[in-house]
Amino acid sequence: MKRRLFLLTISLLLQACKWDSPDTRSKPLIVATTSILADAISVIVGDSADVRALMPAGVDPHLYKASVRDLDLLTEADLVIYHGLYLEGKMTEIFEKLEFSQRLINISEELPEEKLLRTGPEAHSVDPHIWFDVKLWTLAMDYSAKELIAWKPEWKDYIQENWSTYQKDLVAADQEIQEKVSELHAKGMALVTAHDAFAYFGEAYGFEVRGLQGLSTLSEPGLRDLGDLAQFIIDRNIKAVFAEQTISPRALKALVEACEQKGHQIELAGPLFTDSLDAANTPAGTYLGMIKTNLEIIYQALVS
């Protein structure tokens, strides 16, 4: 009897580990690669679909490698949505293979080339952090909404209504950023972070941004980079540098020490949310919440 109960339990556990098949779902399954993207798509589709993030909150997409379970989720999805621009660098080949059997949306597909920031001549050197320019993110979401309607024409009115409401919230967030950054710019402040995730933020809102590491979190700063950035901070009398949620603050702590050795006291503030949202039901647990949380952290640390 115990053996039969054990086998039944194992069988149920194995079944629970499998994703629902398309035939048994009450709603279509949409898989978005990051928590940032999953949140925005869930607002646009509302309760019409089950939207899941492939990468959990707190995961760095630059370093992410899909597990067997993740691959199962992607192949079982009715629709897969991803950032593109090599954000999900290690998954590029997976998307290329999925195109033969799955419906995919690359949200960066039709972004204007002149709006994209590059760090070198290679194709993969395009900066993928477009969500820090709210206007550019709005363009990506507008394209996504159109593609979602093309996928499910019967959802057209519902998606357009949701997208119209969400767009107004994005415009309000963009205006708030402009106002607070203008004040910081007038004080001569600059944003110093762990890596170059905020270039779009700086470009869009006229705010100087410096990253200790390069565009990818895989790069490491050298001693000369550390010394040059410390001198920049001292010359500008910058009051804080900012850690990031998905990156070790070790290098930034060394930067703080370098400033202090030269007599300049500086705060290690943050963390800022860059490549992932915070956990659900927290202030930075949505895209708009993340943007506003980052803005408040930056403003309070630099304006005081």
C-alpha atoms as a PDB file:
ATOM      1  CA  MET A   1       0.000   0.000   0.000  1.00  0.00           C
ATOM      2  CA  LYS A   2       2.815   2.385   0.932  1.00  0.00           C
ATOM      3  CA  ARG A   3       4.595   1.582  -2.337  1.00  0.00           C
ATOM      4  CA  ARG A   4       1.452   2.368  -4.351  1.00  0.00           C
ATOM      5  CA  LEU A   5       0.977   5.662  -2.513  1.00  0.00           C
ATOM      6  CA  PHE A   6       4.638   6.537  -3.126  1.00  0.00           C
ATOM      7  CA  LEU A   7       4.334   5.814  -6.856  1.00  0.00           C
ATOM      8  CA  LEU A   8       1.110   7.831  -7.062  1.00  0.00           C
ATOM      9  CA  THR A   9       2.775  10.797  -5.331  1.00  0.00           C
ATOM     10  CA  ILE A  10       5.738  10.674  -7.720  1.00  0.00           C
ATOM     11  CA  SER A  11       3.386  10.505 -10.684  1.00  0.00           C
ATOM     12  CA  LEU A  12       1.441  13.550  -9.517  1.00  0.00           C
ATOM     13  CA  LEU A  13       4.649  15.494  -8.880  1.00  0.00           C
ATOM     14  CA  LEU A  14       5.923  14.724 -12.360  1.00  0.00           C
ATOM     15  CA  GLN A  15       2.644  15.862 -13.882  1.00  0.00           C
ATOM     16  CA  ALA A  16       2.749  19.051 -11.829  1.00  0.00           C
ATOM     17  CA  CYS A  17       6.207  19.839 -13.184  1.00  0.00           C
ATOM     18  CA  LYS A  18       4.909  19.889 -16.744  1.00  0.00           C
ATOM     19  CA  TRP A  19       3.366  22.999 -18.206  1.00  0.00           C
ATOM     20  CA  ASP A  20      -0.274  22.843 -19.192  1.00  0.00           C
ATOM     21  CA  SER A  21      -0.715  21.814 -22.818  1.00  0.00           C
ATOM     22  CA  PRO A  22      -2.397  24.295 -25.180  1.00  0.00           C
ATOM     23  CA  ASP A  23      -5.483  22.071 -25.273  1.00  0.00           C
ATOM     24  CA  THR A  24      -6.032  22.207 -21.496  1.00  0.00           C
ATOM     25  CA  ARG A  25      -5.335  25.906 -20.900  1.00  0.00           C
ATOM     26  CA  SER A  26      -8.122  28.336 -20.150  1.00  0.00           C
ATOM     27  CA  LYS A  27      -5.988  31.202 -21.513  1.00  0.00           C
ATOM     28  CA  PRO A  28      -3.112  31.441 -24.006  1.00  0.00           C
ATOM     29  CA  LEU A  29       0.351  31.328 -22.450  1.00  0.00           C
ATOM     30  CA  ILE A  30       2.695  34.237 -23.263  1.00  0.00           C
ATOM     31  CA  VAL A  31       6.308  33.926 -22.139  1.00  0.00           C
ATOM     32  CA  ALA A  32       8.348  37.136 -21.937  1.00  0.00           C
ATOM     33  CA  THR A  33      12.054  36.833 -21.278  1.00  0.00           C
ATOM     34  CA  THR A  34      12.497  39.367 -18.446  1.00  0.00           C
ATOM     35  CA  SER A  35      10.362  40.547 -15.558  1.00  0.00           C
ATOM     36  CA  ILE A  36      10.451  44.075 -17.025  1.00  0.00           C
ATOM     37  CA  LEU A  37       8.975  42.903 -20.313  1.00  0.00           C
ATOM     38  CA  ALA A  38       6.508  40.500 -18.711  1.00  0.00           C
ATOM     39  CA  ASP A  39       5.043  43.293 -16.590  1.00  0.00           C
ATOM     40  CA  ALA A  40       4.483  45.640 -19.542  1.00  0.00           C
ATOM     41  CA  ILE A  41       2.950  42.903 -21.694  1.00  0.00           C
ATOM     42  CA  SER A  42       0.648  41.807 -18.868  1.00  0.00           C
ATOM     43  CA  VAL A  43      -0.713  45.365 -18.621  1.00  0.00           C
ATOM     44  CA  ILE A  44      -1.408  45.448 -22.366  1.00  0.00           C
ATOM     45  CA  VAL A  45      -3.109  42.026 -22.624  1.00  0.00           C
ATOM     46  CA  GLY A  46      -4.854  42.280 -19.251  1.00  0.00           C
ATOM     47  CA  ASP A  47      -6.645  39.105 -18.230  1.00  0.00           C
ATOM     48  CA  SER A  48      -6.803  37.742 -21.783  1.00  0.00           C
ATOM     49  CA  ALA A  49      -3.614  35.714 -21.354  1.00  0.00           C
ATOM     50  CA  ASP A  50      -1.346  34.149 -18.772  1.00  0.00           C
ATOM     51  CA  VAL A  51       1.929  36.117 -18.986  1.00  0.00           C
ATOM     52  CA  ARG A  52       5.027  34.595 -17.382  1.00  0.00           C
ATOM     53  CA  ALA A  53       8.581  35.867 -17.100  1.00  0.00           C
ATOM     54  CA  LEU A  54      11.228  33.377 -18.178  1.00  0.00           C
ATOM     55  CA  MET A  55      13.862  34.962 -15.928  1.00  0.00           C
ATOM     56  CA  PRO A  56      12.869  35.449 -12.284  1.00  0.00           C
ATOM     57  CA  ALA A  57      13.173  38.846 -10.618  1.00  0.00           C
ATOM     58  CA  GLY A  58      16.777  39.597  -9.704  1.00  0.00           C
ATOM     59  CA  VAL A  59      18.327  37.603 -12.561  1.00  0.00           C
ATOM     60  CA  ASP A  60      20.907  39.314 -14.785  1.00  0.00           C
ATOM     61  CA  PRO A  61      19.924  38.656 -18.444  1.00  0.00           C
ATOM     62  CA  HIS A  62      23.514  39.241 -19.587  1.00  0.00           C
ATOM     63  CA  LEU A  63      24.566  36.106 -17.695  1.00  0.00           C
ATOM     64  CA  TYR A  64      21.403  34.043 -18.001  1.00  0.00           C
ATOM     65  CA  LYS A  65      21.513  30.525 -19.438  1.00  0.00           C
ATOM     66  CA  ALA A  66      18.244  28.720 -20.150  1.00  0.00           C
ATOM     67  CA  SER A  67      17.663  25.485 -18.237  1.00  0.00           C
ATOM     68  CA  VAL A  68      15.896  22.431 -19.636  1.00  0.00           C
ATOM     69  CA  ARG A  69      12.770  23.505 -17.765  1.00  0.00           C
ATOM     70  CA  ASP A  70      13.003  26.976 -19.325  1.00  0.00           C
ATOM     71  CA  LEU A  71      13.275  25.452 -22.799  1.00  0.00           C
ATOM     72  CA  ASP A  72      10.181  23.375 -22.079  1.00  0.00           C
ATOM     73  CA  LEU A  73       8.306  26.534 -21.096  1.00  0.00           C
ATOM     74  CA  LEU A  74       9.380  28.310 -24.288  1.00  0.00           C
ATOM     75  CA  THR A  75       8.299  25.436 -26.533  1.00  0.00           C
ATOM     76  CA  GLU A  76       4.969  25.083 -24.726  1.00  0.00           C
ATOM     77  CA  ALA A  77       4.186  28.811 -24.979  1.00  0.00           C
ATOM     78  CA  ASP A  78       1.601  30.096 -27.424  1.00  0.00           C
ATOM     79  CA  LEU A  79       3.701  33.240 -27.873  1.00  0.00           C
ATOM     80  CA  VAL A  80       7.266  34.192 -26.921  1.00  0.00           C
ATOM     81  CA  ILE A  81       8.236  37.862 -26.549  1.00  0.00           C
ATOM     82  CA  TYR A  82      11.828  39.024 -26.136  1.00  0.00           C
ATOM     83  CA  HIS A  83      13.844  42.256 -26.032  1.00  0.00           C
ATOM     84  CA  GLY A  84      16.339  41.623 -28.817  1.00  0.00           C
ATOM     85  CA  LEU A  85      19.396  43.856 -29.316  1.00  0.00           C
ATOM     86  CA  TYR A  86      21.413  40.979 -27.820  1.00  0.00           C
ATOM     87  CA  LEU A  87      20.121  41.598 -24.292  1.00  0.00           C
ATOM     88  CA  GLU A  88      19.422  37.876 -24.065  1.00  0.00           C
ATOM     89  CA  GLY A  89      22.811  37.234 -25.684  1.00  0.00           C
ATOM     90  CA  LYS A  90      23.167  33.561 -24.779  1.00  0.00           C
ATOM     91  CA  MET A  91      19.652  32.811 -26.039  1.00  0.00           C
ATOM     92  CA  THR A  92      20.047  34.185 -29.579  1.00  0.00           C
ATOM     93  CA  GLU A  93      20.430  30.727 -31.139  1.00  0.00           C
ATOM     94  CA  ILE A  94      17.412  29.472 -29.199  1.00  0.00           C
ATOM     95  CA  PHE A  95      15.205  32.213 -30.656  1.00  0.00           C
ATOM     96  CA  GLU A  96      16.486  31.460 -34.148  1.00  0.00           C
ATOM     97  CA  LYS A  97      15.443  27.816 -33.760  1.00  0.00           C
ATOM     98  CA  LEU A  98      12.105  28.668 -32.143  1.00  0.00           C
ATOM     99  CA  GLU A  99      11.142  30.807 -35.149  1.00  0.00           C
ATOM    100  CA  PHE A 100      10.540  27.610 -37.136  1.00  0.00           C
ATOM    101  CA  SER A 101       7.840  26.373 -34.747  1.00  0.00           C
ATOM    102  CA  GLN A 102       6.755  29.243 -32.454  1.00  0.00           C
ATOM    103  CA  ARG A 103       5.189  32.669 -32.771  1.00  0.00           C
ATOM    104  CA  LEU A 104       7.763  35.234 -31.560  1.00  0.00           C
ATOM    105  CA  ILE A 105       7.782  38.999 -31.076  1.00  0.00           C
ATOM    106  CA  ASN A 106      11.076  40.888 -30.940  1.00  0.00           C
ATOM    107  CA  ILE A 107      10.023  44.192 -29.363  1.00  0.00           C
ATOM    108  CA  SER A 108      13.045  46.041 -30.819  1.00  0.00           C
ATOM    109  CA  GLU A 109      12.283  44.979 -34.384  1.00  0.00           C
ATOM    110  CA  GLU A 110      11.134  48.359 -35.677  1.00  0.00           C
ATOM    111  CA  LEU A 111      12.894  50.823 -33.365  1.00  0.00           C
ATOM    112  CA  PRO A 112      14.461  53.699 -35.351  1.00  0.00           C
ATOM    113  CA  GLU A 113      18.155  53.006 -35.947  1.00  0.00           C
ATOM    114  CA  GLU A 114      19.056  56.592 -35.108  1.00  0.00           C
ATOM    115  CA  LYS A 115      17.556  56.152 -31.630  1.00  0.00           C
ATOM    116  CA  LEU A 116      19.767  53.184 -30.753  1.00  0.00           C
ATOM    117  CA  LEU A 117      23.034  53.752 -28.919  1.00  0.00           C
ATOM    118  CA  ARG A 118      26.155  51.862 -29.966  1.00  0.00           C
ATOM    119  CA  THR A 119      29.435  51.230 -28.181  1.00  0.00           C
ATOM    120  CA  GLY A 120      31.352  49.765 -31.129  1.00  0.00           C
ATOM    121  CA  PRO A 121      31.100  48.603 -34.740  1.00  0.00           C
ATOM    122  CA  GLU A 122      29.933  45.049 -33.984  1.00  0.00           C
ATOM    123  CA  ALA A 123      26.253  44.098 -34.355  1.00  0.00           C
ATOM    124  CA  HIS A 124      26.036  43.025 -30.730  1.00  0.00           C
ATOM    125  CA  SER A 125      27.440  46.353 -29.497  1.00  0.00           C
ATOM    126  CA  VAL A 126      24.012  48.026 -29.563  1.00  0.00           C
ATOM    127  CA  ASP A 127      23.004  49.046 -26.043  1.00  0.00           C
ATOM    128  CA  PRO A 128      19.882  46.976 -25.202  1.00  0.00           C
ATOM    129  CA  HIS A 129      18.748  48.976 -22.128  1.00  0.00           C
ATOM    130  CA  ILE A 130      16.082  50.911 -24.021  1.00  0.00           C
ATOM    131  CA  TRP A 131      13.584  50.888 -21.129  1.00  0.00           C
ATOM    132  CA  PHE A 132      15.469  53.722 -19.415  1.00  0.00           C
ATOM    133  CA  ASP A 133      14.266  56.065 -22.138  1.00  0.00           C
ATOM    134  CA  VAL A 134      10.535  55.977 -21.452  1.00  0.00           C
ATOM    135  CA  LYS A 135       9.713  57.398 -24.899  1.00  0.00           C
ATOM    136  CA  LEU A 136      11.754  54.672 -26.611  1.00  0.00           C
ATOM    137  CA  TRP A 137      10.174  52.005 -24.422  1.00  0.00           C
ATOM    138  CA  THR A 138       6.784  53.411 -25.406  1.00  0.00           C
ATOM    139  CA  LEU A 139       7.666  52.889 -29.077  1.00  0.00           C
ATOM    140  CA  ALA A 140       8.641  49.283 -28.342  1.00  0.00           C
ATOM    141  CA  MET A 141       5.392  48.678 -26.483  1.00  0.00           C
ATOM    142  CA  ASP A 142       3.357  50.310 -29.244  1.00  0.00           C
ATOM    143  CA  TYR A 143       4.921  47.869 -31.717  1.00  0.00           C
ATOM    144  CA  SER A 144       4.222  45.016 -29.281  1.00  0.00           C
ATOM    145  CA  ALA A 145       0.559  46.011 -28.997  1.00  0.00           C
ATOM    146  CA  LYS A 146       0.204  45.984 -32.798  1.00  0.00           C
ATOM    147  CA  GLU A 147       1.869  42.569 -33.018  1.00  0.00           C
ATOM    148  CA  LEU A 148      -0.385  41.218 -30.280  1.00  0.00           C
ATOM    149  CA  ILE A 149      -3.435  42.402 -32.240  1.00  0.00           C
ATOM    150  CA  ALA A 150      -2.050  40.753 -35.379  1.00  0.00           C
ATOM    151  CA  TRP A 151      -1.704  37.536 -33.363  1.00  0.00           C
ATOM    152  CA  LYS A 152      -5.165  37.784 -31.762  1.00  0.00           C
ATOM    153  CA  PRO A 153      -7.382  40.105 -33.870  1.00  0.00           C
ATOM    154  CA  GLU A 154     -10.347  39.339 -31.618  1.00  0.00           C
ATOM    155  CA  TRP A 155      -8.535  41.138 -28.770  1.00  0.00           C
ATOM    156  CA  LYS A 156      -8.119  44.366 -30.744  1.00  0.00           C
ATOM    157  CA  ASP A 157     -10.528  46.640 -28.840  1.00  0.00           C
ATOM    158  CA  TYR A 158      -9.424  45.340 -25.445  1.00  0.00           C
ATOM    159  CA  ILE A 159      -5.699  45.703 -26.198  1.00  0.00           C
ATOM    160  CA  GLN A 160      -6.150  49.186 -27.662  1.00  0.00           C
ATOM    161  CA  GLU A 161      -8.063  50.302 -24.561  1.00  0.00           C
ATOM    162  CA  ASN A 162      -5.420  48.885 -22.195  1.00  0.00           C
ATOM    163  CA  TRP A 163      -2.582  50.318 -24.257  1.00  0.00           C
ATOM    164  CA  SER A 164      -4.158  53.789 -24.405  1.00  0.00           C
ATOM    165  CA  THR A 165      -4.474  53.892 -20.613  1.00  0.00           C
ATOM    166  CA  TYR A 166      -0.957  52.571 -20.077  1.00  0.00           C
ATOM    167  CA  GLN A 167       0.483  55.049 -22.556  1.00  0.00           C
ATOM    168  CA  LYS A 168      -0.865  57.949 -20.476  1.00  0.00           C
ATOM    169  CA  ASP A 169       0.923  56.540 -17.420  1.00  0.00           C
ATOM    170  CA  LEU A 170       4.158  56.313 -19.414  1.00  0.00           C
ATOM    171  CA  VAL A 171       3.848  59.945 -20.550  1.00  0.00           C
ATOM    172  CA  ALA A 172       3.342  61.050 -16.926  1.00  0.00           C
ATOM    173  CA  ALA A 173       6.420  59.084 -15.802  1.00  0.00           C
ATOM    174  CA  ASP A 174       8.504  60.602 -18.593  1.00  0.00           C
ATOM    175  CA  GLN A 175       7.509  64.121 -17.557  1.00  0.00           C
ATOM    176  CA  GLU A 176       8.349  63.458 -13.899  1.00  0.00           C
ATOM    177  CA  ILE A 177      11.820  62.217 -14.860  1.00  0.00           C
ATOM    178  CA  GLN A 178      12.448  65.309 -16.985  1.00  0.00           C
ATOM    179  CA  GLU A 179      11.536  67.642 -14.130  1.00  0.00           C
ATOM    180  CA  LYS A 180      13.731  66.004 -11.477  1.00  0.00           C
ATOM    181  CA  VAL A 181      16.707  65.392 -13.761  1.00  0.00           C
ATOM    182  CA  SER A 182      16.646  69.037 -14.853  1.00  0.00           C
ATOM    183  CA  GLU A 183      17.099  70.025 -11.208  1.00  0.00           C
ATOM    184  CA  LEU A 184      20.010  67.609 -10.749  1.00  0.00           C
ATOM    185  CA  HIS A 185      21.627  68.777 -13.978  1.00  0.00           C
ATOM    186  CA  ALA A 186      21.453  72.379 -12.784  1.00  0.00           C
ATOM    187  CA  LYS A 187      23.404  71.357  -9.655  1.00  0.00           C
ATOM    188  CA  GLY A 188      26.171  69.804 -11.778  1.00  0.00           C
ATOM    189  CA  MET A 189      25.432  66.280 -10.686  1.00  0.00           C
ATOM    190  CA  ALA A 190      26.050  63.117 -12.727  1.00  0.00           C
ATOM    191  CA  LEU A 191      24.932  59.507 -12.391  1.00  0.00           C
ATOM    192  CA  VAL A 192      27.763  57.071 -11.560  1.00  0.00           C
ATOM    193  CA  THR A 193      26.814  53.400 -11.565  1.00  0.00           C
ATOM    194  CA  ALA A 194      28.351  49.943 -11.720  1.00  0.00           C
ATOM    195  CA  HIS A 195      27.938  49.403 -15.474  1.00  0.00           C
ATOM    196  CA  ASP A 196      26.732  51.360 -18.498  1.00  0.00           C
ATOM    197  CA  ALA A 197      23.043  50.507 -18.181  1.00  0.00           C
ATOM    198  CA  PHE A 198      21.829  54.111 -18.013  1.00  0.00           C
ATOM    199  CA  ALA A 199      23.141  55.512 -21.306  1.00  0.00           C
ATOM    200  CA  TYR A 200      19.604  55.839 -22.715  1.00  0.00           C
ATOM    201  CA  PHE A 201      18.563  57.565 -19.498  1.00  0.00           C
ATOM    202  CA  GLY A 202      21.363  60.087 -19.908  1.00  0.00           C
ATOM    203  CA  GLU A 203      20.692  60.612 -23.621  1.00  0.00           C
ATOM    204  CA  ALA A 204      16.939  61.049 -23.204  1.00  0.00           C
ATOM    205  CA  TYR A 205      17.010  63.386 -20.210  1.00  0.00           C
ATOM    206  CA  GLY A 206      20.258  65.311 -20.760  1.00  0.00           C
ATOM    207  CA  PHE A 207      22.027  63.825 -17.738  1.00  0.00           C
ATOM    208  CA  GLU A 208      25.698  62.812 -17.697  1.00  0.00           C
ATOM    209  CA  VAL A 209      26.126  59.115 -16.900  1.00  0.00           C
ATOM    210  CA  ARG A 210      29.322  57.236 -16.077  1.00  0.00           C
ATOM    211  CA  GLY A 211      29.642  53.466 -15.623  1.00  0.00           C
ATOM    212  CA  LEU A 212      32.574  51.791 -13.867  1.00  0.00           C
ATOM    213  CA  GLN A 213      32.141  48.660 -15.963  1.00  0.00           C
ATOM    214  CA  GLY A 214      31.277  48.467 -19.646  1.00  0.00           C
ATOM    215  CA  LEU A 215      27.958  47.789 -21.311  1.00  0.00           C
ATOM    216  CA  SER A 216      27.998  44.130 -20.283  1.00  0.00           C
ATOM    217  CA  THR A 217      28.253  42.999 -16.667  1.00  0.00           C
ATOM    218  CA  LEU A 218      30.911  40.526 -17.852  1.00  0.00           C
ATOM    219  CA  SER A 219      33.526  43.297 -18.168  1.00  0.00           C
ATOM    220  CA  GLU A 220      35.847  44.297 -15.320  1.00  0.00           C
ATOM    221  CA  PRO A 221      37.123  47.800 -14.529  1.00  0.00           C
ATOM    222  CA  GLY A 222      40.866  48.443 -14.398  1.00  0.00           C
ATOM    223  CA  LEU A 223      42.845  50.511 -11.901  1.00  0.00           C
ATOM    224  CA  ARG A 224      43.133  53.385 -14.361  1.00  0.00           C
ATOM    225  CA  ASP A 225      39.339  53.384 -14.878  1.00  0.00           C
ATOM    226  CA  LEU A 226      38.924  53.476 -11.110  1.00  0.00           C
ATOM    227  CA  GLY A 227      41.317  56.381 -10.660  1.00  0.00           C
ATOM    228  CA  ASP A 228      39.883  58.411 -13.541  1.00  0.00           C
ATOM    229  CA  LEU A 229      36.332  57.993 -12.298  1.00  0.00           C
ATOM    230  CA  ALA A 230      37.310  58.884  -8.737  1.00  0.00           C
ATOM    231  CA  GLN A 231      38.886  62.114  -9.984  1.00  0.00           C
ATOM    232  CA  PHE A 232      35.772  62.917 -12.023  1.00  0.00           C
ATOM    233  CA  ILE A 233      33.619  62.486  -8.902  1.00  0.00           C
ATOM    234  CA  ILE A 234      35.880  64.748  -6.866  1.00  0.00           C
ATOM    235  CA  ASP A 235      36.074  67.441  -9.552  1.00  0.00           C
ATOM    236  CA  ARG A 236      32.283  67.553  -9.860  1.00  0.00           C
ATOM    237  CA  ASN A 237      31.669  67.228  -6.097  1.00  0.00           C
ATOM    238  CA  ILE A 238      29.294  64.330  -6.715  1.00  0.00           C
ATOM    239  CA  LYS A 239      27.662  63.121  -3.518  1.00  0.00           C
ATOM    240  CA  ALA A 240      26.809  59.496  -4.283  1.00  0.00           C
ATOM    241  CA  VAL A 241      27.512  56.545  -6.542  1.00  0.00           C
ATOM    242  CA  PHE A 242      24.915  53.849  -7.102  1.00  0.00           C
ATOM    243  CA  ALA A 243      24.999  50.097  -6.702  1.00  0.00           C
ATOM    244  CA  GLU A 244      22.779  47.943  -8.913  1.00  0.00           C
ATOM    245  CA  GLN A 245      20.471  45.164  -7.902  1.00  0.00           C
ATOM    246  CA  THR A 246      21.925  42.399 -10.101  1.00  0.00           C
ATOM    247  CA  ILE A 247      25.632  43.330  -9.790  1.00  0.00           C
ATOM    248  CA  SER A 248      28.082  42.886  -6.912  1.00  0.00           C
ATOM    249  CA  PRO A 249      28.959  46.262  -5.331  1.00  0.00           C
ATOM    250  CA  ARG A 250      32.599  45.198  -4.838  1.00  0.00           C
ATOM    251  CA  ALA A 251      34.017  47.443  -7.570  1.00  0.00           C
ATOM    252  CA  LEU A 252      31.926  50.413  -6.428  1.00  0.00           C
ATOM    253  CA  LYS A 253      33.168  49.985  -2.858  1.00  0.00           C
ATOM    254  CA  ALA A 254      36.699  50.249  -4.221  1.00  0.00           C
ATOM    255  CA  LEU A 255      35.648  53.457  -6.009  1.00  0.00           C
ATOM    256  CA  VAL A 256      34.257  54.893  -2.755  1.00  0.00           C
ATOM    257  CA  GLU A 257      37.524  54.037  -0.999  1.00  0.00           C
ATOM    258  CA  ALA A 258      39.533  55.701  -3.790  1.00  0.00           C
ATOM    259  CA  CYS A 259      37.490  58.894  -3.344  1.00  0.00           C
ATOM    260  CA  GLU A 260      37.834  58.812   0.440  1.00  0.00           C
ATOM    261  CA  GLN A 261      41.619  58.374   0.195  1.00  0.00           C
ATOM    262  CA  LYS A 262      41.664  61.701  -1.650  1.00  0.00           C
ATOM    263  CA  GLY A 263      39.538  63.367   1.033  1.00  0.00           C
ATOM    264  CA  HIS A 264      36.166  63.192  -0.705  1.00  0.00           C
ATOM    265  CA  GLN A 265      33.402  61.532   1.301  1.00  0.00           C
ATOM    266  CA  ILE A 266      30.779  59.864  -0.862  1.00  0.00           C
ATOM    267  CA  GLU A 267      27.727  57.678  -0.290  1.00  0.00           C
ATOM    268  CA  LEU A 268      27.272  54.245  -1.837  1.00  0.00           C
ATOM    269  CA  ALA A 269      23.539  54.551  -2.547  1.00  0.00           C
ATOM    270  CA  GLY A 270      20.954  52.220  -4.016  1.00  0.00           C
ATOM    271  CA  PRO A 271      20.619  49.619  -5.189  1.00  0.00           C
ATOM    272  CA  LEU A 272      19.102  50.773  -8.458  1.00  0.00           C
ATOM    273  CA  PHE A 273      17.054  48.341 -10.504  1.00  0.00           C
ATOM    274  CA  THR A 274      18.512  47.913 -13.971  1.00  0.00           C
ATOM    275  CA  ASP A 275      18.038  44.574 -15.742  1.00  0.00           C
ATOM    276  CA  SER A 276      15.236  43.202 -13.585  1.00  0.00           C
ATOM    277  CA  LEU A 277      12.292  44.307 -11.484  1.00  0.00           C
ATOM    278  CA  ASP A 278      12.141  43.768  -7.739  1.00  0.00           C
ATOM    279  CA  ALA A 279       9.921  41.037  -6.323  1.00  0.00           C
ATOM    280  CA  ALA A 280       6.185  41.198  -6.988  1.00  0.00           C
ATOM    281  CA  ASN A 281       4.095  43.476  -4.742  1.00  0.00           C
ATOM    282  CA  THR A 282       7.047  45.762  -3.942  1.00  0.00           C
ATOM    283  CA  PRO A 283       7.455  49.405  -5.028  1.00  0.00           C
ATOM    284  CA  ALA A 284       9.845  48.395  -7.834  1.00  0.00           C
ATOM    285  CA  GLY A 285       7.879  45.283  -8.760  1.00  0.00           C
ATOM    286  CA  THR A 286       6.448  46.838 -11.944  1.00  0.00           C
ATOM    287  CA  TYR A 287       8.097  48.709 -14.816  1.00  0.00           C
ATOM    288  CA  LEU A 288       6.600  52.067 -13.803  1.00  0.00           C
ATOM    289  CA  GLY A 289       7.366  51.336 -10.156  1.00  0.00           C
ATOM    290  CA  MET A 290      10.973  50.498 -11.022  1.00  0.00           C
ATOM    291  CA  ILE A 291      11.391  53.731 -12.988  1.00  0.00           C
ATOM    292  CA  LYS A 292       9.938  55.837 -10.174  1.00  0.00           C
ATOM    293  CA  THR A 293      11.907  54.006  -7.468  1.00  0.00           C
ATOM    294  CA  ASN A 294      15.177  54.537  -9.325  1.00  0.00           C
ATOM    295  CA  LEU A 295      14.362  58.203  -9.887  1.00  0.00           C
ATOM    296  CA  GLU A 296      13.623  58.780  -6.213  1.00  0.00           C
ATOM    297  CA  ILE A 297      16.810  56.990  -5.070  1.00  0.00           C
ATOM    298  CA  ILE A 298      18.937  59.031  -7.497  1.00  0.00           C
ATOM    299  CA  TYR A 299      17.231  62.322  -6.677  1.00  0.00           C
ATOM    300  CA  GLN A 300      17.393  61.957  -2.897  1.00  0.00           C
ATOM    301  CA  ALA A 301      21.060  60.883  -2.886  1.00  0.00           C
ATOM    302  CA  LEU A 302      22.278  63.647  -5.212  1.00  0.00           C
ATOM    303  CA  VAL A 303      20.112  66.629  -4.329  1.00  0.00           C
ATOM    304  CA  SER A 304      20.745  66.691  -0.561  1.00  0.00           C
END
